[in-house]
Amino acid sequence: TDNTGSGSISAFSATDTGTLTNLNGSGVAAVTGAGTLPIDNGASFDGQFEYSFETGVGAIGIYHINSDGSLSFVGLQGGLPAVGGFEGMVVY
């Protein structure tokens, strides 16, 4: 889950019944940074990467999904307008 106000991403595990649990005590899996305004995200089809639409810097943040569910920052793919208000993305 992208957290626009705090510039972070939360990660949860889900049981077969749909119960969600934070993957760590703080609930923060990655920090995107001040002013990044992450608004939407999605995981790759193979479950190896998480992409975060960071409207404040006009980029897609790329994170590797580790075996324990934590996220490791890979890089940014820029070229988008750096303005808030955009919303939605599709990841395959």
Protein backbone atom coordinates (compact mmCIF):
# COMPACT_ATOMS: atom_id res chain seq x y z
CA THR A 1 0.00 0.00 0.00
CA ASP A 2 1.37 3.44 -0.95
CA ASN A 3 1.16 6.03 1.82
CA THR A 4 1.12 9.39 0.04
CA GLY A 5 1.35 11.62 3.11
CA SER A 6 4.32 9.85 4.71
CA GLY A 7 6.19 8.93 1.51
CA SER A 8 6.28 5.23 2.31
CA ILE A 9 5.04 1.80 1.27
CA SER A 10 3.40 -0.66 3.67
CA ALA A 11 3.44 -4.42 3.16
CA PHE A 12 1.14 -7.07 4.57
CA SER A 13 0.82 -10.82 4.55
CA ALA A 14 -2.61 -12.33 4.01
CA THR A 15 -4.02 -15.60 5.31
CA ASP A 16 -6.34 -17.86 3.33
CA THR A 17 -9.25 -16.22 5.16
CA GLY A 18 -8.12 -12.70 4.23
CA THR A 19 -6.69 -11.62 7.57
CA LEU A 20 -3.94 -9.03 7.03
CA THR A 21 -0.82 -8.66 9.18
CA ASN A 22 1.95 -6.05 8.88
CA LEU A 23 5.18 -7.67 7.70
CA ASN A 24 7.13 -5.77 10.34
CA GLY A 25 6.33 -3.85 13.52
CA SER A 26 6.46 -0.38 11.98
CA GLY A 27 4.25 -1.27 9.02
CA VAL A 28 6.73 0.43 6.66
CA ALA A 29 8.29 -1.83 4.02
CA ALA A 30 10.09 0.99 2.17
CA VAL A 31 10.49 4.76 2.36
CA THR A 32 10.00 6.53 -0.96
CA GLY A 33 11.07 9.89 0.46
CA ALA A 34 9.73 13.33 1.23
CA GLY A 35 7.87 14.92 -1.65
CA THR A 36 7.63 11.73 -3.73
CA LEU A 37 3.85 11.50 -3.22
CA PRO A 38 3.44 7.77 -3.92
CA ILE A 39 -0.16 7.35 -5.01
CA ASP A 40 -0.55 3.87 -6.48
CA ASN A 41 1.40 0.63 -6.79
CA GLY A 42 1.39 -2.87 -8.17
CA ALA A 43 3.40 -6.06 -8.18
CA SER A 44 4.84 -7.72 -11.26
CA PHE A 45 3.14 -10.84 -12.58
CA ASP A 46 6.03 -13.01 -11.36
CA GLY A 47 5.91 -11.48 -7.86
CA GLN A 48 9.53 -10.31 -7.94
CA PHE A 49 9.04 -6.54 -8.20
CA GLU A 50 6.84 -3.83 -6.72
CA TYR A 51 6.29 -0.60 -8.67
CA SER A 52 5.24 2.63 -6.98
CA PHE A 53 3.80 5.58 -8.92
CA GLU A 54 5.63 8.51 -7.30
CA THR A 55 3.80 11.55 -8.69
CA GLY A 56 5.81 14.15 -6.76
CA VAL A 57 9.01 13.31 -8.65
CA GLY A 58 7.45 12.15 -11.91
CA ALA A 59 8.74 8.60 -11.70
CA ILE A 60 7.96 4.96 -11.08
CA GLY A 61 9.85 3.61 -8.08
CA ILE A 62 11.12 0.06 -8.61
CA TYR A 63 11.54 -2.28 -5.63
CA HIS A 64 12.62 -5.93 -5.45
CA ILE A 65 10.31 -8.07 -3.32
CA ASN A 66 12.55 -10.14 -1.05
CA SER A 67 11.70 -13.67 0.07
CA ASP A 68 10.45 -12.35 3.45
CA GLY A 69 8.20 -9.79 1.73
CA SER A 70 10.41 -6.81 2.52
CA LEU A 71 11.28 -4.40 -0.28
CA SER A 72 14.71 -3.34 -1.59
CA PHE A 73 14.99 -0.19 -3.68
CA VAL A 74 16.21 -0.87 -7.24
CA GLY A 75 15.81 2.54 -8.90
CA LEU A 76 13.54 5.11 -10.51
CA GLN A 77 12.18 5.27 -14.05
CA GLY A 78 11.47 8.93 -14.70
CA GLY A 79 10.08 10.90 -17.59
CA LEU A 80 6.61 11.57 -16.18
CA PRO A 81 5.30 15.02 -15.25
CA ALA A 82 6.17 15.77 -11.60
CA VAL A 83 2.75 16.89 -10.44
CA GLY A 84 0.32 15.52 -7.91
CA GLY A 85 -3.10 14.42 -9.03
CA PHE A 86 -2.26 11.57 -11.38
CA GLU A 87 -3.68 8.29 -10.20
CA GLY A 88 -3.75 4.68 -11.27
CA MET A 89 -1.33 2.29 -12.91
CA VAL A 90 -1.38 -1.18 -14.41
CA VAL A 91 1.49 -3.62 -13.86
CA TYR A 92 1.94 -6.88 -15.69
